Amino acid sequence: MCNSKLFFLFLLSITSASSTSFNRSKKCSKEESEALLLFKQNLSSINYTDDYFDYSCHESDYDLKLGPDVFNNLLKNFTNLEELSLGYVKINLVLPTSLNISSSLKLLNLDSTGLQGKLPHYIFNLPSLETLDLRNNSFTGNIPSKISVNQTHFTYLRLSYNRLNGTLPSWLFTSPSLESLFLNDNMFSGKVPFESFALPSLQVLDLSRNNQLAGQIDVQTFRQLKNLTDLYLSSNNFSGEWQLDTLLSSLTNLKSLDLSYNGFSVTTKNANHYVNPGFRFLELASCKLKVFPNSLRAMKQLKVLDLSSNEIHGQIPHWAGEIGGNELYRLNLSHNFITGLPQFQWYGLEQLYLQSNLIEGPFPPSICNMSNLWYLDMSNNRINGVIPKNISSSLQVLIVKSNKIEGLFPLSICNMSNLYSLDISSNSFGGVIPECVGSMMSTLYMINLGTNNFHDEEEVDESGFTWKVVTLGYGCGTLLGLVMGYLMLSTRKVKWFNAIADAAESLVLKKRRHIYIGK
């Protein structure tokens, strides 16, 4: 069992609304003392099996549980409570439609507590509330259309990852002190009342992945939000034309922008405009972008760049290899019309998506310098030549299917000790598949070598049998044995098929595997 699960440190800070220092704070009332004692007695750790700890050892993953009656009692009796943070304490409660919560409450954090039922509207009427975090629960219903108090101190609202629906009320966009608004991953719909925007303090706005939010919006909608640092609108039904240069030069504090998968059309004049050098995340997937933006050149600290599913044509400019320096860890240029790549200098890159382009020429040698790269997809291009011998051994996913790559099976692949997905199908590989492929079967989740020119070192038999297709899904022991036995006898590929058979037990006992080997 993981040792970090054995010890817990709890600090419940209960401060009187009228107190100004620790020494002068009020003593707890009898009811408060009893509620606190009950809370202490009922807060207990969850018992997991050793298998769980072997798989995942996180100190904050539902370590604790608290009885629903104790939670209700806690809220009801602490009339001077100012801060309550129970994030990741498993409560599993349907909150009542009304509850007498302290009017002094400034911070309420019930993140990932398993709460259910209708979103309690009375919480939004707490007069002193500054921070409310109810993310990662199972709340349903809507946000109240009106509230009875003027939320002049409200700075932080996070309702992400629930099942909330309905339209967004205008009061959300007029709270004068609101700094962070997270409503992502719900089921909100309708038009967002951006015309009510009066949030000079707003720094973070996340409306992403609601899917049904709609409306015509553009750069002008957000130009007055001078303090905005993070804007996430992806995966909705918004529409409008966005001039990227204007946006970046207007919102000079912006560090993160995601407009992906809407009906937006992003354009650029590729003129020289100011860009925040501290820009970190830029995601413009499926935004009808036609050129590689020059404004990216100034983003020396960029960590994530996603320009996939656009209409970018031709050669990527030579300076693009400098974007982000060693900070860039994920790059997605897939599903465009790119024909050539620059010399990469992204030595810290971890994920590279270049699939479904028109990239020609040999395998880019600069990719071999990416020692941290674990995901590489270059499928559906026109890459020829061979896979370099010094390709990174850190790869866990390697997909180069549907190219024109040739040569022998790369022995460097056998040195990828963490590889779990390999697809080199539909190329021009030839020669004999090395025996090391068999030893990789126990760790691979998927392998596809089909539609190449591999052959066996032994002659085929008189019946004309050549390579057969092997597809193994949810490993069934009997079927697996029959298929392996048949192929070993009919194709005489005894050496490396024996190695596969040796790994059969682990294939059956572990997660499903997919193996495809064909001509």
Protein backbone atom coordinates (compact mmCIF):
# COMPACT_ATOMS: atom_id res chain seq x y z
CA MET A 1 0.00 0.00 0.00
CA CYS A 2 1.19 3.50 -0.82
CA ASN A 3 2.59 5.17 2.30
CA SER A 4 1.16 8.55 1.33
CA LYS A 5 -2.30 7.10 1.97
CA LEU A 6 -1.61 6.36 5.60
CA PHE A 7 -1.29 9.88 6.97
CA PHE A 8 -3.67 12.81 6.71
CA LEU A 9 -3.33 16.32 8.04
CA PHE A 10 -6.51 18.30 8.47
CA LEU A 11 -6.82 21.98 9.14
CA LEU A 12 -10.30 23.42 9.58
CA SER A 13 -10.09 27.16 9.95
CA ILE A 14 -13.20 28.73 11.40
CA THR A 15 -12.98 32.48 11.76
CA SER A 16 -15.53 34.81 13.26
CA ALA A 17 -16.87 37.40 10.84
CA SER A 18 -16.13 40.13 13.33
CA SER A 19 -12.69 38.97 14.46
CA THR A 20 -9.54 40.79 13.38
CA SER A 21 -6.90 38.48 14.80
CA PHE A 22 -6.47 34.98 16.06
CA ASN A 23 -6.21 36.02 19.71
CA ARG A 24 -9.42 38.05 19.59
CA SER A 25 -11.55 35.57 17.63
CA LYS A 26 -14.82 34.39 19.16
CA LYS A 27 -15.01 31.11 20.99
CA CYS A 28 -17.06 28.44 19.27
CA SER A 29 -20.63 28.16 20.45
CA LYS A 30 -21.84 24.90 21.93
CA GLU A 31 -23.54 23.97 18.64
CA GLU A 32 -20.39 24.77 16.66
CA SER A 33 -18.22 22.74 19.00
CA GLU A 34 -20.53 19.75 18.75
CA ALA A 35 -20.67 20.02 14.95
CA LEU A 36 -16.88 20.24 14.74
CA LEU A 37 -16.47 17.20 16.98
CA LEU A 38 -18.97 15.27 14.88
CA PHE A 39 -17.11 16.31 11.74
CA LYS A 40 -13.82 15.06 13.18
CA GLN A 41 -15.32 11.74 14.27
CA ASN A 42 -16.98 11.04 10.92
CA LEU A 43 -14.20 12.07 8.54
CA SER A 44 -12.61 8.79 7.52
CA SER A 45 -10.32 7.40 4.88
CA ILE A 46 -11.57 5.18 2.08
CA ASN A 47 -10.18 1.68 1.96
CA TYR A 48 -8.74 0.67 -1.41
CA THR A 49 -7.17 -2.59 -2.47
CA ASP A 50 -3.43 -2.87 -2.95
CA ASP A 51 -4.08 -3.22 -6.69
CA TYR A 52 -5.45 0.30 -6.74
CA PHE A 53 -2.34 1.74 -5.16
CA ASP A 54 -0.11 -0.13 -7.57
CA TYR A 55 -2.00 1.45 -10.44
CA SER A 56 -2.45 4.98 -9.17
CA CYS A 57 -1.05 6.75 -6.18
CA HIS A 58 -2.45 10.28 -5.98
CA GLU A 59 -2.76 12.00 -2.64
CA SER A 60 -5.89 13.93 -3.67
CA ASP A 61 -8.02 11.26 -5.39
CA TYR A 62 -10.98 10.79 -3.06
CA ASP A 63 -8.88 9.99 -0.01
CA LEU A 64 -11.64 10.90 2.44
CA LYS A 65 -15.36 10.51 2.89
CA LEU A 66 -17.86 12.42 4.97
CA GLY A 67 -21.42 11.44 5.85
CA PRO A 68 -24.11 13.63 4.22
CA ASP A 69 -25.82 14.28 7.57
CA VAL A 70 -22.54 15.48 9.06
CA PHE A 71 -21.99 17.81 6.09
CA ASN A 72 -25.47 19.32 6.48
CA ASN A 73 -24.95 19.70 10.21
CA LEU A 74 -21.63 21.44 9.59
CA LEU A 75 -23.21 24.04 7.31
CA LYS A 76 -26.24 24.58 9.53
CA ASN A 77 -24.44 25.15 12.83
CA PHE A 78 -21.44 27.26 11.83
CA THR A 79 -23.22 30.58 11.54
CA ASN A 80 -19.98 32.59 11.43
CA LEU A 81 -18.13 30.33 9.01
CA GLU A 82 -16.11 32.28 6.42
CA GLU A 83 -14.25 29.57 4.53
CA LEU A 84 -15.10 25.94 3.86
CA SER A 85 -12.89 23.87 1.56
CA LEU A 86 -13.71 20.16 1.22
CA GLY A 87 -12.30 19.49 -2.23
CA TYR A 88 -11.97 15.74 -3.00
CA VAL A 89 -13.76 14.73 0.19
CA LYS A 90 -16.32 12.15 -0.92
CA ILE A 91 -19.75 13.30 0.31
CA ASN A 92 -22.16 11.83 -2.30
CA LEU A 93 -25.11 13.97 -1.34
CA VAL A 94 -28.12 15.49 -3.07
CA LEU A 95 -28.09 19.00 -1.65
CA PRO A 96 -31.44 20.09 -0.19
CA THR A 97 -33.44 22.81 -1.93
CA SER A 98 -32.79 25.13 0.99
CA LEU A 99 -30.05 25.23 3.56
CA ASN A 100 -29.16 27.75 6.24
CA ILE A 101 -25.58 28.60 5.26
CA SER A 102 -23.53 31.21 7.08
CA SER A 103 -24.10 34.66 5.57
CA SER A 104 -20.44 35.34 6.36
CA LEU A 105 -19.23 32.63 3.97
CA LYS A 106 -16.60 33.98 1.57
CA LEU A 107 -15.15 30.76 0.14
CA LEU A 108 -16.94 27.50 -0.63
CA ASN A 109 -14.95 24.77 -2.35
CA LEU A 110 -16.79 21.49 -2.96
CA ASP A 111 -14.69 20.36 -5.91
CA SER A 112 -15.03 16.64 -6.74
CA THR A 113 -17.15 15.72 -3.74
CA GLY A 114 -19.76 13.60 -5.57
CA LEU A 115 -22.57 16.09 -5.01
CA GLN A 116 -25.73 15.53 -7.06
CA GLY A 117 -29.13 16.97 -7.81
CA LYS A 118 -30.27 20.40 -8.89
CA LEU A 119 -27.76 23.22 -8.62
CA PRO A 120 -28.74 25.03 -5.39
CA HIS A 121 -29.71 28.59 -6.34
CA TYR A 122 -29.54 29.87 -2.76
CA ILE A 123 -25.73 29.60 -2.82
CA PHE A 124 -25.59 32.48 -5.32
CA ASN A 125 -27.42 34.74 -2.86
CA LEU A 126 -24.80 34.58 -0.12
CA PRO A 127 -23.92 38.28 0.34
CA SER A 128 -20.25 37.84 1.24
CA LEU A 129 -19.39 35.14 -1.28
CA GLU A 130 -16.12 35.66 -3.14
CA THR A 131 -15.11 32.17 -4.34
CA LEU A 132 -17.40 29.31 -5.37
CA ASP A 133 -15.97 26.06 -6.75
CA LEU A 134 -18.44 23.23 -7.51
CA ARG A 135 -16.59 21.59 -10.40
CA ASN A 136 -16.41 17.83 -11.09
CA ASN A 137 -19.76 16.90 -9.58
CA SER A 138 -23.11 15.75 -11.00
CA PHE A 139 -25.20 18.89 -10.64
CA THR A 140 -28.09 19.37 -13.04
CA GLY A 141 -30.42 22.28 -13.69
CA ASN A 142 -29.50 25.86 -14.54
CA ILE A 143 -27.81 28.93 -13.14
CA PRO A 144 -30.47 31.24 -11.61
CA SER A 145 -31.62 33.94 -14.03
CA LYS A 146 -31.66 36.50 -11.23
CA ILE A 147 -30.07 36.82 -7.81
CA SER A 148 -31.31 38.82 -4.84
CA VAL A 149 -27.99 40.30 -3.74
CA ASN A 150 -25.46 42.53 -5.43
CA GLN A 151 -22.37 40.34 -5.80
CA THR A 152 -19.85 43.12 -5.45
CA HIS A 153 -17.15 40.83 -4.00
CA PHE A 154 -17.66 37.80 -6.24
CA THR A 155 -14.28 37.06 -7.90
CA TYR A 156 -14.18 33.34 -8.77
CA LEU A 157 -16.87 30.97 -10.10
CA ARG A 158 -16.11 27.43 -11.28
CA LEU A 159 -18.95 25.11 -12.31
CA SER A 160 -16.99 23.00 -14.82
CA TYR A 161 -17.64 19.30 -15.47
CA ASN A 162 -21.23 19.04 -14.33
CA ARG A 163 -24.50 18.43 -16.22
CA LEU A 164 -25.86 21.94 -16.13
CA ASN A 165 -28.09 23.23 -18.90
CA GLY A 166 -30.20 26.22 -19.84
CA THR A 167 -29.05 29.66 -20.93
CA LEU A 168 -26.47 31.86 -19.25
CA PRO A 169 -27.92 34.78 -17.25
CA SER A 170 -26.80 38.36 -17.93
CA TRP A 171 -25.83 39.00 -14.29
CA LEU A 172 -22.83 36.68 -14.75
CA PHE A 173 -21.36 39.17 -17.21
CA THR A 174 -21.96 42.29 -15.15
CA SER A 175 -20.41 41.33 -11.80
CA PRO A 176 -17.86 44.13 -11.40
CA SER A 177 -15.22 42.18 -9.47
CA LEU A 178 -15.42 38.81 -11.28
CA GLU A 179 -11.94 37.64 -12.30
CA SER A 180 -12.40 33.96 -13.25
CA LEU A 181 -15.45 32.32 -14.83
CA PHE A 182 -15.26 28.57 -15.65
CA LEU A 183 -18.44 27.07 -17.16
CA ASN A 184 -16.80 24.51 -19.46
CA ASP A 185 -17.93 20.92 -20.00
CA ASN A 186 -21.61 21.31 -19.32
CA MET A 187 -24.69 21.39 -21.55
CA PHE A 188 -25.52 25.10 -21.69
CA SER A 189 -27.30 26.36 -24.79
CA GLY A 190 -28.53 29.50 -26.48
CA LYS A 191 -26.87 32.83 -27.08
CA VAL A 192 -24.40 34.21 -24.58
CA PRO A 193 -25.29 37.76 -23.45
CA PHE A 194 -21.95 39.22 -24.47
CA GLU A 195 -23.69 42.55 -25.07
CA SER A 196 -23.92 42.86 -21.27
CA PHE A 197 -20.17 42.57 -20.91
CA ALA A 198 -19.01 44.88 -18.13
CA LEU A 199 -16.25 42.84 -16.55
CA PRO A 200 -13.16 45.04 -16.39
CA SER A 201 -11.54 42.67 -13.89
CA LEU A 202 -12.14 39.47 -15.89
CA GLN A 203 -8.95 37.47 -16.44
CA VAL A 204 -10.18 33.97 -17.31
CA LEU A 205 -13.27 33.04 -19.37
CA ASP A 206 -13.86 29.35 -20.16
CA LEU A 207 -17.04 28.43 -22.06
CA SER A 208 -15.48 25.54 -23.97
CA ARG A 209 -17.05 22.18 -24.75
CA ASN A 210 -20.66 23.12 -24.09
CA ASN A 211 -21.48 22.30 -27.72
CA GLN A 212 -24.75 24.23 -27.89
CA LEU A 213 -23.73 27.78 -27.04
CA ALA A 214 -24.26 29.98 -30.07
CA GLY A 215 -24.11 33.52 -31.38
CA GLN A 216 -22.21 35.82 -33.70
CA ILE A 217 -19.09 37.12 -31.95
CA ASP A 218 -15.81 38.63 -33.03
CA VAL A 219 -12.79 40.51 -31.74
CA GLN A 220 -14.85 43.59 -30.87
CA THR A 221 -16.77 41.52 -28.30
CA PHE A 222 -13.70 41.19 -26.11
CA ARG A 223 -11.61 44.29 -26.83
CA GLN A 224 -12.74 46.04 -23.65
CA LEU A 225 -11.49 43.15 -21.49
CA LYS A 226 -8.01 44.57 -21.11
CA ASN A 227 -7.08 42.24 -18.24
CA LEU A 228 -8.08 39.05 -20.04
CA THR A 229 -5.33 36.41 -19.94
CA ASP A 230 -7.20 33.20 -20.88
CA LEU A 231 -10.06 32.82 -23.38
CA TYR A 232 -11.49 29.37 -24.17
CA LEU A 233 -14.49 29.08 -26.51
CA SER A 234 -13.83 25.75 -28.27
CA SER A 235 -16.43 23.15 -29.30
CA ASN A 236 -19.53 25.30 -29.42
CA ASN A 237 -21.70 26.75 -32.20
CA PHE A 238 -20.30 30.28 -32.20
CA SER A 239 -19.68 32.00 -35.51
CA GLY A 240 -17.96 35.15 -36.77
CA GLU A 241 -14.77 36.40 -38.34
CA TRP A 242 -11.73 36.96 -36.16
CA GLN A 243 -8.80 39.07 -37.25
CA LEU A 244 -5.94 37.44 -35.36
CA ASP A 245 -3.52 40.38 -35.54
CA THR A 246 -6.15 42.77 -34.16
CA LEU A 247 -7.04 40.42 -31.35
CA LEU A 248 -3.47 39.86 -30.22
CA SER A 249 -2.57 43.54 -30.36
CA SER A 250 -5.77 44.56 -28.50
CA LEU A 251 -5.57 42.06 -25.66
CA THR A 252 -1.96 42.56 -24.68
CA ASN A 253 -2.22 40.40 -21.55
CA LEU A 254 -3.61 37.38 -23.39
CA LYS A 255 -1.63 34.17 -22.78
CA SER A 256 -4.09 31.44 -23.79
CA LEU A 257 -6.58 31.35 -26.67
CA ASP A 258 -8.75 28.46 -27.90
CA LEU A 259 -11.30 29.10 -30.68
CA SER A 260 -11.29 25.55 -32.08
CA TYR A 261 -14.27 23.71 -33.54
CA ASN A 262 -16.82 26.47 -33.88
CA GLY A 263 -17.97 28.30 -36.99
CA PHE A 264 -15.21 30.89 -36.70
CA SER A 265 -13.18 32.14 -39.63
CA VAL A 266 -9.76 33.32 -38.47
CA THR A 267 -7.81 35.59 -40.80
CA THR A 268 -4.44 37.29 -40.63
CA LYS A 269 -2.78 40.01 -42.69
CA ASN A 270 0.59 38.74 -41.48
CA ALA A 271 1.54 42.28 -40.54
CA ASN A 272 3.86 43.08 -37.64
CA HIS A 273 1.71 43.62 -34.55
CA TYR A 274 2.46 43.42 -30.86
CA VAL A 275 2.11 39.94 -29.36
CA ASN A 276 2.49 39.16 -25.69
CA PRO A 277 5.89 37.38 -25.52
CA GLY A 278 4.50 35.36 -22.61
CA PHE A 279 1.85 33.69 -24.80
CA ARG A 280 1.51 30.03 -23.72
CA PHE A 281 -1.38 28.24 -25.48
CA LEU A 282 -2.82 28.87 -28.96
CA GLU A 283 -5.45 26.49 -30.36
CA LEU A 284 -7.15 27.40 -33.65
CA ALA A 285 -8.24 24.00 -34.97
CA SER A 286 -10.91 24.07 -37.68
CA CYS A 287 -10.92 27.87 -37.99
CA LYS A 288 -10.59 28.12 -41.81
CA LEU A 289 -7.09 29.54 -41.41
CA LYS A 290 -5.33 29.71 -44.79
CA VAL A 291 -1.78 30.76 -43.90
CA PHE A 292 0.76 30.12 -41.18
CA PRO A 293 0.49 33.29 -39.01
CA ASN A 294 3.59 35.49 -38.74
CA SER A 295 2.47 36.56 -35.27
CA LEU A 296 3.56 33.14 -33.97
CA ARG A 297 7.17 34.15 -34.47
CA ALA A 298 7.07 36.35 -31.38
CA MET A 299 5.73 33.57 -29.15
CA LYS A 300 9.00 32.42 -27.60
CA GLN A 301 7.36 30.73 -24.61
CA LEU A 302 4.54 28.91 -26.42
CA LYS A 303 3.76 25.50 -24.92
CA VAL A 304 0.87 24.26 -27.09
CA LEU A 305 0.13 25.10 -30.74
CA ASP A 306 -2.85 23.54 -32.55
CA LEU A 307 -3.53 24.65 -36.14
CA SER A 308 -5.06 21.35 -37.25
CA SER A 309 -7.98 20.93 -39.67
CA ASN A 310 -7.40 24.22 -41.47
CA GLU A 311 -6.51 25.20 -45.03
CA ILE A 312 -2.81 25.96 -44.62
CA HIS A 313 -0.96 25.27 -47.90
CA GLY A 314 2.65 24.83 -48.92
CA GLN A 315 5.89 25.01 -46.99
CA ILE A 316 5.93 25.95 -43.33
CA PRO A 317 8.26 29.00 -42.97
CA HIS A 318 11.81 28.33 -41.83
CA TRP A 319 11.47 30.44 -38.68
CA ALA A 320 8.58 28.25 -37.43
CA GLY A 321 11.11 25.81 -36.00
CA GLU A 322 12.01 28.42 -33.38
CA ILE A 323 8.47 28.91 -32.02
CA GLY A 324 8.34 28.26 -28.30
CA GLY A 325 11.97 27.19 -28.09
CA ASN A 326 12.30 24.38 -25.57
CA GLU A 327 8.95 25.31 -24.00
CA LEU A 328 6.78 23.84 -26.79
CA TYR A 329 5.57 20.36 -25.84
CA ARG A 330 2.56 19.76 -28.13
CA LEU A 331 2.27 20.69 -31.83
CA ASN A 332 -0.65 19.75 -34.06
CA LEU A 333 -0.50 20.68 -37.75
CA SER A 334 -2.54 17.71 -38.97
CA HIS A 335 -5.23 17.79 -41.66
CA ASN A 336 -3.89 20.68 -43.72
CA PHE A 337 -2.20 20.92 -47.12
CA ILE A 338 1.37 21.31 -45.87
CA THR A 339 4.05 20.11 -48.29
CA GLY A 340 7.29 20.79 -46.40
CA LEU A 341 8.63 21.30 -42.89
CA PRO A 342 11.40 23.49 -41.45
CA GLN A 343 14.33 22.27 -39.40
CA PHE A 344 12.82 21.72 -35.97
CA GLN A 345 14.49 23.03 -32.84
CA TRP A 346 11.83 21.80 -30.44
CA TYR A 347 13.99 19.64 -28.23
CA GLY A 348 11.37 19.61 -25.49
CA LEU A 349 8.52 18.50 -27.77
CA GLU A 350 6.48 15.57 -26.44
CA GLN A 351 3.61 15.25 -28.95
CA LEU A 352 3.80 15.88 -32.71
CA TYR A 353 0.79 15.49 -35.03
CA LEU A 354 1.52 15.88 -38.75
CA GLN A 355 -0.92 13.35 -40.21
CA SER A 356 -3.05 13.92 -43.31
CA ASN A 357 -0.95 16.52 -45.11
CA LEU A 358 1.02 16.48 -48.36
CA ILE A 359 4.48 16.34 -46.79
CA GLU A 360 7.08 15.07 -49.24
CA GLY A 361 10.69 13.96 -49.02
CA PRO A 362 12.65 11.87 -46.56
CA PHE A 363 11.82 11.37 -42.89
CA PRO A 364 12.68 14.74 -41.19
CA PRO A 365 16.02 14.11 -39.42
CA SER A 366 15.46 16.89 -36.86
CA ILE A 367 12.66 14.79 -35.31
CA CYS A 368 15.36 12.39 -34.13
CA ASN A 369 16.73 15.14 -31.85
CA MET A 370 13.52 15.25 -29.81
CA SER A 371 14.54 13.14 -26.86
CA ASN A 372 11.25 13.77 -24.98
CA LEU A 373 8.97 12.86 -27.88
CA TRP A 374 6.50 10.11 -26.96
CA TYR A 375 3.69 10.60 -29.53
CA LEU A 376 4.42 10.88 -33.26
CA ASP A 377 1.80 10.64 -36.02
CA MET A 378 2.98 11.28 -39.59
CA SER A 379 0.44 9.06 -41.35
CA ASN A 380 -1.19 9.82 -44.71
CA ASN A 381 1.61 11.87 -46.24
CA ARG A 382 4.15 11.31 -49.03
CA ILE A 383 7.24 10.68 -46.92
CA ASN A 384 9.80 8.39 -48.55
CA GLY A 385 13.20 6.92 -47.73
CA VAL A 386 13.85 5.05 -44.51
CA ILE A 387 13.18 5.61 -40.83
CA PRO A 388 16.45 6.88 -39.31
CA LYS A 389 18.34 4.55 -37.00
CA ASN A 390 18.60 7.24 -34.34
CA ILE A 391 14.87 7.90 -33.99
CA SER A 392 13.99 8.63 -30.36
CA SER A 393 13.70 5.57 -28.13
CA SER A 394 11.27 7.45 -25.88
CA LEU A 395 8.36 6.98 -28.31
CA GLN A 396 5.24 5.33 -26.94
CA VAL A 397 3.09 5.85 -30.06
CA LEU A 398 4.54 5.71 -33.58
CA ILE A 399 2.17 6.02 -36.56
CA VAL A 400 3.62 6.39 -40.06
CA LYS A 401 1.04 4.45 -42.05
CA SER A 402 0.15 5.34 -45.65
CA ASN A 403 3.43 6.85 -46.77
CA LYS A 404 6.17 5.69 -49.15
CA ILE A 405 8.70 4.61 -46.55
CA GLU A 406 10.90 1.68 -47.53
CA GLY A 407 13.76 -0.42 -46.26
CA LEU A 408 13.94 -3.16 -43.66
CA PHE A 409 11.90 -3.22 -40.45
CA PRO A 410 13.71 -0.58 -38.32
CA LEU A 411 15.56 -2.34 -35.51
CA SER A 412 15.50 0.96 -33.62
CA ILE A 413 11.80 0.31 -32.99
CA CYS A 414 12.73 -2.74 -30.94
CA ASN A 415 14.65 -0.43 -28.58
CA MET A 416 11.52 1.55 -27.73
CA SER A 417 10.89 -0.02 -24.34
CA ASN A 418 7.75 2.07 -23.67
CA LEU A 419 6.12 1.60 -27.08
CA TYR A 420 2.47 0.53 -26.88
CA SER A 421 1.10 1.49 -30.31
CA LEU A 422 2.85 0.92 -33.67
CA ASP A 423 1.39 1.38 -37.14
CA ILE A 424 3.71 1.23 -40.16
CA SER A 425 1.13 -0.24 -42.53
CA SER A 426 0.63 0.73 -46.19
CA ASN A 427 4.26 1.53 -46.93
CA SER A 428 7.02 -0.22 -48.88
CA PHE A 429 8.87 -1.95 -46.06
CA GLY A 430 10.47 -5.24 -47.05
CA GLY A 431 12.73 -8.01 -45.85
CA VAL A 432 12.24 -10.23 -42.82
CA ILE A 433 10.46 -9.13 -39.67
CA PRO A 434 13.04 -9.50 -36.89
CA GLU A 435 12.49 -11.80 -33.94
CA CYS A 436 12.44 -8.85 -31.55
CA VAL A 437 8.90 -8.06 -32.75
CA GLY A 438 7.69 -11.16 -30.92
CA SER A 439 9.19 -10.00 -27.64
CA MET A 440 7.35 -6.67 -27.97
CA MET A 441 3.91 -8.29 -28.07
CA SER A 442 3.37 -8.38 -24.32
CA THR A 443 3.54 -4.59 -24.03
CA LEU A 444 2.02 -3.46 -27.32
CA TYR A 445 -1.63 -2.44 -27.31
CA MET A 446 -1.79 -2.20 -31.09
CA ILE A 447 0.55 -3.22 -33.92
CA ASN A 448 -0.19 -2.95 -37.63
CA LEU A 449 2.42 -4.06 -40.17
CA GLY A 450 -0.02 -4.77 -42.98
CA THR A 451 0.22 -3.89 -46.69
CA ASN A 452 4.02 -3.96 -46.93
CA ASN A 453 6.47 -6.27 -48.68
CA PHE A 454 7.70 -8.33 -45.73
CA HIS A 455 8.62 -11.95 -46.39
CA ASP A 456 9.75 -14.93 -44.36
CA GLU A 457 13.29 -16.23 -44.32
CA GLU A 458 11.92 -19.69 -45.14
CA GLU A 459 10.30 -20.68 -48.43
CA VAL A 460 6.53 -20.82 -48.66
CA ASP A 461 5.03 -24.29 -48.97
CA GLU A 462 3.72 -25.92 -52.12
CA SER A 463 0.16 -24.85 -51.49
CA GLY A 464 1.22 -21.30 -52.20
CA PHE A 465 0.43 -20.06 -48.67
CA THR A 466 1.91 -16.67 -48.01
CA TRP A 467 1.27 -14.15 -45.24
CA LYS A 468 -2.05 -14.34 -43.48
CA VAL A 469 -3.91 -11.68 -41.61
CA VAL A 470 -3.93 -11.98 -37.86
CA THR A 471 -6.43 -9.90 -35.95
CA LEU A 472 -6.61 -10.37 -32.22
CA GLY A 473 -9.19 -8.34 -30.32
CA TYR A 474 -10.45 -9.17 -26.86
CA GLY A 475 -8.12 -12.11 -26.30
CA CYS A 476 -10.02 -15.37 -25.90
CA GLY A 477 -7.58 -18.10 -24.96
CA THR A 478 -8.94 -20.92 -27.15
CA LEU A 479 -9.36 -18.77 -30.23
CA LEU A 480 -5.92 -17.25 -29.71
CA GLY A 481 -4.34 -20.68 -29.53
CA LEU A 482 -6.12 -21.93 -32.64
CA VAL A 483 -5.20 -18.89 -34.70
CA MET A 484 -1.57 -19.01 -33.61
CA GLY A 485 -1.31 -22.74 -34.20
CA TYR A 486 -2.82 -22.50 -37.66
CA LEU A 487 -0.54 -19.67 -38.70
CA MET A 488 2.58 -21.31 -37.32
CA LEU A 489 1.85 -24.46 -39.30
CA SER A 490 0.58 -22.90 -42.51
CA THR A 491 3.12 -20.10 -42.88
CA ARG A 492 6.12 -21.70 -41.08
CA LYS A 493 6.92 -18.46 -39.33
CA VAL A 494 7.91 -20.41 -36.30
CA LYS A 495 10.58 -18.22 -34.70
CA TRP A 496 8.82 -14.97 -34.13
CA PHE A 497 5.32 -16.45 -33.97
CA ASN A 498 6.61 -18.62 -31.15
CA ALA A 499 7.60 -15.44 -29.37
CA ILE A 500 4.09 -14.09 -29.90
CA ALA A 501 2.61 -17.32 -28.54
CA ASP A 502 4.82 -17.03 -25.46
CA ALA A 503 3.23 -13.66 -24.79
CA ALA A 504 -0.31 -14.97 -25.34
CA GLU A 505 -1.08 -15.33 -21.67
CA SER A 506 -0.37 -11.69 -20.99
CA LEU A 507 -2.47 -10.71 -24.00
CA VAL A 508 -5.44 -12.53 -22.52
CA LEU A 509 -4.99 -11.27 -18.99
CA LYS A 510 -4.29 -7.63 -19.78
CA LYS A 511 -6.27 -5.06 -21.77
CA ARG A 512 -7.42 -5.85 -25.27
CA ARG A 513 -4.77 -5.94 -28.01
CA HIS A 514 -5.03 -5.40 -31.73
CA ILE A 515 -2.52 -7.11 -33.99
CA TYR A 516 -2.55 -6.93 -37.75
CA ILE A 517 0.15 -8.54 -39.82
CA GLY A 518 -0.38 -8.94 -43.52
CA LYS A 519 1.04 -8.59 -46.97
